[in-house]
Amino acid sequence: MAIGKPSVGHLKKISLEITAGSTSESMDLVSRPIGVSLIFGAGSHGLSPIESALEGKPVGDEQIFVIHRNQMMPFFGHLLSAFSELPRTVDVLHLKTRIVDVSDADDREVVRALADSVACGCDCGCSGH
C-alpha cells in the first residue's frame, strides 16, 4: 500500500475509470474511458472477484483483467449493473481498471448499495442475489 494514498476498503466509495479491449494492448471496445462508482464490500454474498482484486489497492492503481463472456456474471457479481456500459457480446473482454478516488461513503450511499445488492433489478439472471 502506498503511504498517504487512500486505499480500497470495506464500505468505501470507489471511483474507477475503465476501458475495454479485444486484447490487453488494444483498448478498442469502448470509445472513451467509462467512469464507475461503487460502494466496496456491500454485497450480500461477500466480495465479488473484482472487489477481491481491488481490495487494499491505492488510488492510481491499474490492473488488467481478462474475462470470458460466460464469466462476466460471476466476476462482477452484484456489481454487474455498475459495469453496464461494457460490451457483453465479445468472447473475451480485456478490462483495464484505474482507481481514481477512494473516499468515505455517507450512510445513505451505503444503505442504497446494500439494498441494491439484494434486489438489483437487473436482467442478469441473478434472482436478486
N, C-alpha and C. Protein backbone atom coordinates (compact mmCIF):
# COMPACT_ATOMS: atom_id res chain seq x y z
N MET A 1 0.85 -1.18 0.00
CA MET A 1 0.00 0.00 0.00
C MET A 1 0.89 1.23 0.00
N ALA A 2 0.50 2.22 -0.81
CA ALA A 2 1.26 3.46 -0.88
C ALA A 2 0.93 4.34 0.32
N ILE A 3 1.97 4.89 0.94
CA ILE A 3 1.78 5.74 2.10
C ILE A 3 1.16 7.06 1.64
N GLY A 4 0.12 7.49 2.36
CA GLY A 4 -0.52 8.76 2.05
C GLY A 4 -1.64 8.69 1.03
N LYS A 5 -1.71 7.61 0.28
CA LYS A 5 -2.79 7.47 -0.69
C LYS A 5 -3.89 6.62 -0.08
N PRO A 6 -5.15 7.08 -0.21
CA PRO A 6 -6.24 6.24 0.29
C PRO A 6 -6.29 4.94 -0.50
N SER A 7 -6.69 3.87 0.18
CA SER A 7 -6.78 2.58 -0.49
C SER A 7 -8.18 1.99 -0.34
N VAL A 8 -8.48 1.06 -1.22
CA VAL A 8 -9.79 0.41 -1.26
C VAL A 8 -10.00 -0.41 0.01
N GLY A 9 -11.16 -0.22 0.64
CA GLY A 9 -11.52 -0.96 1.84
C GLY A 9 -13.02 -1.02 1.99
N HIS A 10 -13.45 -1.77 2.96
CA HIS A 10 -14.88 -2.04 3.16
C HIS A 10 -15.70 -0.77 3.38
N LEU A 11 -16.80 -0.72 2.64
CA LEU A 11 -17.80 0.34 2.67
C LEU A 11 -17.22 1.71 2.31
N LYS A 12 -16.14 1.71 1.54
CA LYS A 12 -15.59 2.94 0.97
C LYS A 12 -16.24 3.16 -0.39
N LYS A 13 -16.35 4.41 -0.78
CA LYS A 13 -16.85 4.76 -2.11
C LYS A 13 -15.64 4.76 -3.05
N ILE A 14 -15.73 3.94 -4.08
CA ILE A 14 -14.63 3.76 -5.02
C ILE A 14 -15.04 4.31 -6.37
N SER A 15 -14.18 5.13 -6.96
CA SER A 15 -14.40 5.63 -8.31
C SER A 15 -13.33 5.01 -9.21
N LEU A 16 -13.79 4.36 -10.27
CA LEU A 16 -12.89 3.71 -11.23
C LEU A 16 -13.03 4.34 -12.59
N GLU A 17 -11.97 4.27 -13.35
CA GLU A 17 -12.01 4.59 -14.76
C GLU A 17 -11.69 3.27 -15.47
N ILE A 18 -12.58 2.86 -16.38
CA ILE A 18 -12.38 1.59 -17.04
C ILE A 18 -12.36 1.76 -18.56
N THR A 19 -11.59 0.92 -19.19
CA THR A 19 -11.57 0.80 -20.64
C THR A 19 -11.62 -0.69 -20.94
N ALA A 20 -11.98 -1.01 -22.16
CA ALA A 20 -12.10 -2.42 -22.53
C ALA A 20 -11.57 -2.63 -23.94
N GLY A 21 -10.95 -3.78 -24.14
CA GLY A 21 -10.39 -4.05 -25.44
C GLY A 21 -10.47 -5.50 -25.85
N SER A 22 -10.16 -5.72 -27.11
CA SER A 22 -10.14 -7.09 -27.63
C SER A 22 -8.83 -7.78 -27.27
N THR A 23 -7.82 -6.99 -26.90
CA THR A 23 -6.57 -7.51 -26.36
C THR A 23 -6.13 -6.58 -25.23
N SER A 24 -5.18 -7.01 -24.44
CA SER A 24 -4.68 -6.18 -23.34
C SER A 24 -3.93 -4.95 -23.86
N GLU A 25 -3.40 -5.04 -25.07
CA GLU A 25 -2.67 -3.92 -25.65
C GLU A 25 -3.58 -2.96 -26.40
N SER A 26 -4.77 -3.40 -26.78
CA SER A 26 -5.66 -2.59 -27.61
C SER A 26 -7.00 -2.39 -26.91
N MET A 27 -7.17 -1.25 -26.26
CA MET A 27 -8.42 -0.93 -25.59
C MET A 27 -9.39 -0.32 -26.61
N ASP A 28 -9.92 -1.17 -27.50
CA ASP A 28 -10.68 -0.74 -28.67
C ASP A 28 -12.17 -1.03 -28.62
N LEU A 29 -12.68 -1.48 -27.49
CA LEU A 29 -14.10 -1.86 -27.43
C LEU A 29 -15.00 -0.78 -26.85
N VAL A 30 -14.44 0.26 -26.29
CA VAL A 30 -15.23 1.41 -25.83
C VAL A 30 -14.58 2.66 -26.42
N SER A 31 -15.40 3.65 -26.75
CA SER A 31 -14.89 4.84 -27.43
C SER A 31 -14.16 5.81 -26.50
N ARG A 32 -14.42 5.70 -25.21
CA ARG A 32 -13.81 6.59 -24.23
C ARG A 32 -13.77 5.87 -22.89
N PRO A 33 -12.91 6.29 -21.99
CA PRO A 33 -12.92 5.68 -20.66
C PRO A 33 -14.29 5.88 -19.99
N ILE A 34 -14.71 4.88 -19.25
CA ILE A 34 -16.01 4.88 -18.58
C ILE A 34 -15.78 5.06 -17.08
N GLY A 35 -16.53 5.95 -16.47
CA GLY A 35 -16.46 6.15 -15.03
C GLY A 35 -17.45 5.23 -14.32
N VAL A 36 -16.98 4.56 -13.28
CA VAL A 36 -17.82 3.67 -12.49
C VAL A 36 -17.60 4.00 -11.02
N SER A 37 -18.70 4.17 -10.29
CA SER A 37 -18.63 4.39 -8.84
C SER A 37 -19.35 3.26 -8.15
N LEU A 38 -18.80 2.81 -7.04
CA LEU A 38 -19.43 1.72 -6.29
C LEU A 38 -19.05 1.83 -4.82
N ILE A 39 -19.84 1.15 -4.01
CA ILE A 39 -19.53 1.04 -2.58
C ILE A 39 -18.90 -0.33 -2.39
N PHE A 40 -17.67 -0.35 -1.95
CA PHE A 40 -16.91 -1.58 -1.84
C PHE A 40 -17.41 -2.44 -0.68
N GLY A 41 -17.64 -3.73 -0.96
CA GLY A 41 -17.98 -4.69 0.09
C GLY A 41 -19.41 -4.69 0.54
N ALA A 42 -20.33 -4.14 -0.27
CA ALA A 42 -21.73 -4.06 0.14
C ALA A 42 -22.56 -5.25 -0.34
N GLY A 43 -21.95 -6.22 -0.98
CA GLY A 43 -22.71 -7.37 -1.50
C GLY A 43 -23.17 -8.30 -0.40
N SER A 44 -24.33 -8.87 -0.59
CA SER A 44 -24.90 -9.75 0.43
C SER A 44 -24.21 -11.12 0.49
N HIS A 45 -23.42 -11.45 -0.54
CA HIS A 45 -22.73 -12.75 -0.58
C HIS A 45 -21.22 -12.59 -0.50
N GLY A 46 -20.77 -11.53 0.12
CA GLY A 46 -19.33 -11.30 0.24
C GLY A 46 -18.77 -10.57 -0.96
N LEU A 47 -17.46 -10.53 -1.06
CA LEU A 47 -16.80 -9.81 -2.13
C LEU A 47 -16.89 -10.56 -3.45
N SER A 48 -17.13 -9.81 -4.51
CA SER A 48 -17.06 -10.39 -5.85
C SER A 48 -15.59 -10.51 -6.22
N PRO A 49 -15.26 -11.31 -7.24
CA PRO A 49 -13.86 -11.42 -7.64
C PRO A 49 -13.21 -10.07 -7.99
N ILE A 50 -13.95 -9.17 -8.64
CA ILE A 50 -13.33 -7.88 -8.95
C ILE A 50 -13.05 -7.09 -7.67
N GLU A 51 -13.95 -7.18 -6.69
CA GLU A 51 -13.69 -6.49 -5.42
C GLU A 51 -12.47 -7.09 -4.72
N SER A 52 -12.36 -8.41 -4.74
CA SER A 52 -11.20 -9.06 -4.11
C SER A 52 -9.89 -8.59 -4.74
N ALA A 53 -9.90 -8.41 -6.07
CA ALA A 53 -8.71 -7.96 -6.77
C ALA A 53 -8.38 -6.50 -6.45
N LEU A 54 -9.38 -5.69 -6.16
CA LEU A 54 -9.17 -4.27 -5.87
C LEU A 54 -8.86 -4.00 -4.39
N GLU A 55 -9.19 -4.93 -3.52
CA GLU A 55 -9.05 -4.71 -2.08
C GLU A 55 -7.63 -4.33 -1.70
N GLY A 56 -7.52 -3.23 -0.95
CA GLY A 56 -6.24 -2.77 -0.45
C GLY A 56 -5.40 -1.98 -1.44
N LYS A 57 -5.88 -1.86 -2.68
CA LYS A 57 -5.12 -1.14 -3.71
C LYS A 57 -5.29 0.37 -3.51
N PRO A 58 -4.22 1.14 -3.78
CA PRO A 58 -4.28 2.60 -3.58
C PRO A 58 -4.83 3.32 -4.81
N VAL A 59 -5.21 4.57 -4.60
CA VAL A 59 -5.60 5.44 -5.70
C VAL A 59 -4.45 5.45 -6.71
N GLY A 60 -4.80 5.35 -7.99
CA GLY A 60 -3.80 5.33 -9.06
C GLY A 60 -3.46 3.94 -9.54
N ASP A 61 -3.81 2.92 -8.76
CA ASP A 61 -3.50 1.54 -9.15
C ASP A 61 -4.23 1.17 -10.44
N GLU A 62 -3.56 0.47 -11.33
CA GLU A 62 -4.15 -0.01 -12.57
C GLU A 62 -3.99 -1.52 -12.65
N GLN A 63 -5.04 -2.18 -13.15
CA GLN A 63 -5.00 -3.62 -13.35
C GLN A 63 -5.69 -3.96 -14.66
N ILE A 64 -5.28 -5.06 -15.26
CA ILE A 64 -5.96 -5.57 -16.45
C ILE A 64 -6.49 -6.95 -16.11
N PHE A 65 -7.78 -7.16 -16.41
CA PHE A 65 -8.44 -8.44 -16.18
C PHE A 65 -8.86 -9.02 -17.53
N VAL A 66 -8.72 -10.31 -17.68
CA VAL A 66 -9.18 -11.00 -18.88
C VAL A 66 -10.40 -11.82 -18.47
N ILE A 67 -11.55 -11.45 -19.05
CA ILE A 67 -12.82 -12.05 -18.62
C ILE A 67 -13.50 -12.70 -19.82
N HIS A 68 -13.78 -13.98 -19.72
CA HIS A 68 -14.52 -14.68 -20.77
C HIS A 68 -16.01 -14.38 -20.59
N ARG A 69 -16.72 -14.36 -21.70
CA ARG A 69 -18.13 -13.96 -21.69
C ARG A 69 -18.93 -14.73 -20.64
N ASN A 70 -18.73 -16.02 -20.53
CA ASN A 70 -19.51 -16.81 -19.57
C ASN A 70 -19.07 -16.59 -18.12
N GLN A 71 -18.05 -15.80 -17.90
CA GLN A 71 -17.59 -15.49 -16.54
C GLN A 71 -17.91 -14.07 -16.08
N MET A 72 -18.61 -13.30 -16.94
CA MET A 72 -18.91 -11.91 -16.57
C MET A 72 -19.75 -11.83 -15.30
N MET A 73 -20.82 -12.58 -15.23
CA MET A 73 -21.69 -12.51 -14.05
C MET A 73 -20.93 -12.94 -12.79
N PRO A 74 -20.25 -14.07 -12.80
CA PRO A 74 -19.52 -14.42 -11.57
C PRO A 74 -18.41 -13.42 -11.22
N PHE A 75 -17.74 -12.84 -12.22
CA PHE A 75 -16.64 -11.92 -11.95
C PHE A 75 -17.13 -10.62 -11.30
N PHE A 76 -18.20 -10.05 -11.86
CA PHE A 76 -18.72 -8.79 -11.33
C PHE A 76 -19.71 -9.00 -10.19
N GLY A 77 -20.40 -10.14 -10.16
CA GLY A 77 -21.36 -10.43 -9.10
C GLY A 77 -22.42 -9.36 -8.98
N HIS A 78 -22.68 -8.91 -7.76
CA HIS A 78 -23.73 -7.92 -7.51
C HIS A 78 -23.42 -6.56 -8.14
N LEU A 79 -22.20 -6.38 -8.65
CA LEU A 79 -21.81 -5.10 -9.27
C LEU A 79 -22.02 -5.08 -10.78
N LEU A 80 -22.56 -6.14 -11.35
CA LEU A 80 -22.69 -6.23 -12.81
C LEU A 80 -23.38 -5.01 -13.40
N SER A 81 -24.44 -4.54 -12.78
CA SER A 81 -25.17 -3.40 -13.34
C SER A 81 -24.32 -2.13 -13.35
N ALA A 82 -23.35 -2.00 -12.45
CA ALA A 82 -22.47 -0.82 -12.45
C ALA A 82 -21.56 -0.80 -13.68
N PHE A 83 -21.36 -1.96 -14.28
CA PHE A 83 -20.50 -2.09 -15.45
C PHE A 83 -21.32 -2.29 -16.72
N SER A 84 -22.52 -1.74 -16.74
CA SER A 84 -23.47 -1.98 -17.84
C SER A 84 -23.01 -1.43 -19.19
N GLU A 85 -22.10 -0.47 -19.20
CA GLU A 85 -21.64 0.10 -20.47
C GLU A 85 -20.61 -0.77 -21.18
N LEU A 86 -20.16 -1.83 -20.54
CA LEU A 86 -19.19 -2.71 -21.17
C LEU A 86 -19.87 -3.59 -22.22
N PRO A 87 -19.19 -3.88 -23.31
CA PRO A 87 -19.75 -4.79 -24.31
C PRO A 87 -19.84 -6.21 -23.73
N ARG A 88 -20.93 -6.87 -24.01
CA ARG A 88 -21.11 -8.24 -23.49
C ARG A 88 -21.22 -9.28 -24.60
N THR A 89 -20.94 -8.86 -25.81
CA THR A 89 -21.08 -9.78 -26.94
C THR A 89 -19.75 -10.36 -27.40
N VAL A 90 -18.65 -9.91 -26.83
CA VAL A 90 -17.34 -10.45 -27.21
C VAL A 90 -17.06 -11.72 -26.41
N ASP A 91 -16.29 -12.61 -27.00
CA ASP A 91 -15.96 -13.85 -26.31
C ASP A 91 -15.01 -13.63 -25.13
N VAL A 92 -14.06 -12.70 -25.33
CA VAL A 92 -13.09 -12.40 -24.28
C VAL A 92 -12.98 -10.88 -24.17
N LEU A 93 -13.11 -10.39 -22.96
CA LEU A 93 -13.04 -8.96 -22.69
C LEU A 93 -11.77 -8.70 -21.88
N HIS A 94 -10.96 -7.77 -22.35
CA HIS A 94 -9.78 -7.32 -21.61
C HIS A 94 -10.18 -6.00 -20.96
N LEU A 95 -10.28 -6.01 -19.64
CA LEU A 95 -10.77 -4.87 -18.89
C LEU A 95 -9.61 -4.22 -18.14
N LYS A 96 -9.43 -2.94 -18.37
CA LYS A 96 -8.40 -2.19 -17.64
C LYS A 96 -9.10 -1.27 -16.66
N THR A 97 -8.71 -1.37 -15.40
CA THR A 97 -9.28 -0.51 -14.36
C THR A 97 -8.18 0.39 -13.79
N ARG A 98 -8.58 1.60 -13.45
CA ARG A 98 -7.70 2.52 -12.74
C ARG A 98 -8.50 3.11 -11.60
N ILE A 99 -7.97 3.03 -10.39
CA ILE A 99 -8.65 3.60 -9.23
C ILE A 99 -8.41 5.11 -9.24
N VAL A 100 -9.49 5.86 -9.39
CA VAL A 100 -9.42 7.32 -9.48
C VAL A 100 -9.55 7.97 -8.10
N ASP A 101 -10.44 7.40 -7.26
CA ASP A 101 -10.68 8.01 -5.96
C ASP A 101 -11.20 6.96 -4.99
N VAL A 102 -10.85 7.13 -3.73
CA VAL A 102 -11.38 6.32 -2.63
C VAL A 102 -11.76 7.31 -1.54
N SER A 103 -13.01 7.25 -1.11
CA SER A 103 -13.46 8.18 -0.07
C SER A 103 -14.45 7.47 0.84
N ASP A 104 -14.76 8.12 1.96
CA ASP A 104 -15.78 7.58 2.85
C ASP A 104 -17.14 7.73 2.19
N ALA A 105 -17.92 6.67 2.24
CA ALA A 105 -19.29 6.73 1.73
C ALA A 105 -20.18 7.27 2.85
N ASP A 106 -21.16 8.08 2.46
CA ASP A 106 -22.09 8.53 3.50
C ASP A 106 -23.11 7.43 3.78
N ASP A 107 -23.81 7.54 4.89
CA ASP A 107 -24.74 6.49 5.32
C ASP A 107 -25.78 6.17 4.25
N ARG A 108 -26.29 7.18 3.60
CA ARG A 108 -27.32 6.98 2.57
C ARG A 108 -26.78 6.14 1.41
N GLU A 109 -25.54 6.42 0.99
CA GLU A 109 -24.93 5.65 -0.10
C GLU A 109 -24.75 4.19 0.29
N VAL A 110 -24.34 3.95 1.53
CA VAL A 110 -24.15 2.57 2.00
C VAL A 110 -25.48 1.83 2.03
N VAL A 111 -26.51 2.46 2.58
CA VAL A 111 -27.83 1.82 2.64
C VAL A 111 -28.34 1.50 1.24
N ARG A 112 -28.18 2.45 0.33
CA ARG A 112 -28.64 2.22 -1.05
C ARG A 112 -27.88 1.06 -1.69
N ALA A 113 -26.56 0.99 -1.50
CA ALA A 113 -25.75 -0.09 -2.07
C ALA A 113 -26.16 -1.44 -1.49
N LEU A 114 -26.42 -1.48 -0.18
CA LEU A 114 -26.86 -2.74 0.44
C LEU A 114 -28.21 -3.17 -0.12
N ALA A 115 -29.12 -2.25 -0.27
CA ALA A 115 -30.44 -2.57 -0.83
C ALA A 115 -30.31 -3.04 -2.28
N ASP A 116 -29.50 -2.35 -3.07
CA ASP A 116 -29.31 -2.73 -4.47
C ASP A 116 -28.68 -4.11 -4.60
N SER A 117 -27.83 -4.47 -3.66
CA SER A 117 -27.13 -5.76 -3.77
C SER A 117 -28.05 -6.96 -3.54
N VAL A 118 -29.17 -6.75 -2.85
CA VAL A 118 -30.09 -7.87 -2.61
C VAL A 118 -31.27 -7.87 -3.56
N ALA A 119 -31.44 -6.80 -4.30
CA ALA A 119 -32.54 -6.71 -5.28
C ALA A 119 -32.09 -5.82 -6.42
N CYS A 120 -31.14 -6.32 -7.20
CA CYS A 120 -30.52 -5.43 -8.18
C CYS A 120 -31.47 -5.04 -9.31
N GLY A 121 -32.50 -5.81 -9.60
CA GLY A 121 -33.43 -5.45 -10.65
C GLY A 121 -32.83 -5.53 -12.03
N CYS A 122 -31.71 -6.19 -12.15
CA CYS A 122 -31.04 -6.28 -13.44
C CYS A 122 -31.65 -7.41 -14.27
N ASP A 123 -31.11 -7.56 -15.44
CA ASP A 123 -31.55 -8.61 -16.34
C ASP A 123 -30.47 -9.69 -16.44
N CYS A 124 -29.74 -9.88 -15.35
CA CYS A 124 -28.58 -10.78 -15.40
C CYS A 124 -28.92 -12.19 -14.96
N GLY A 125 -30.13 -12.44 -14.52
CA GLY A 125 -30.49 -13.78 -14.07
C GLY A 125 -30.02 -14.10 -12.68
N CYS A 126 -29.73 -13.09 -11.89
CA CYS A 126 -29.18 -13.32 -10.56
C CYS A 126 -30.26 -13.62 -9.52
N SER A 127 -31.49 -13.43 -9.86
CA SER A 127 -32.62 -13.64 -8.93
C SER A 127 -32.49 -12.78 -7.68
N GLY A 128 -31.97 -11.57 -7.87
CA GLY A 128 -31.84 -10.66 -6.71
C GLY A 128 -30.72 -11.06 -5.80
N HIS A 129 -29.83 -11.94 -6.25
CA HIS A 129 -28.66 -12.39 -5.49
C HIS A 129 -29.13 -13.10 -4.25
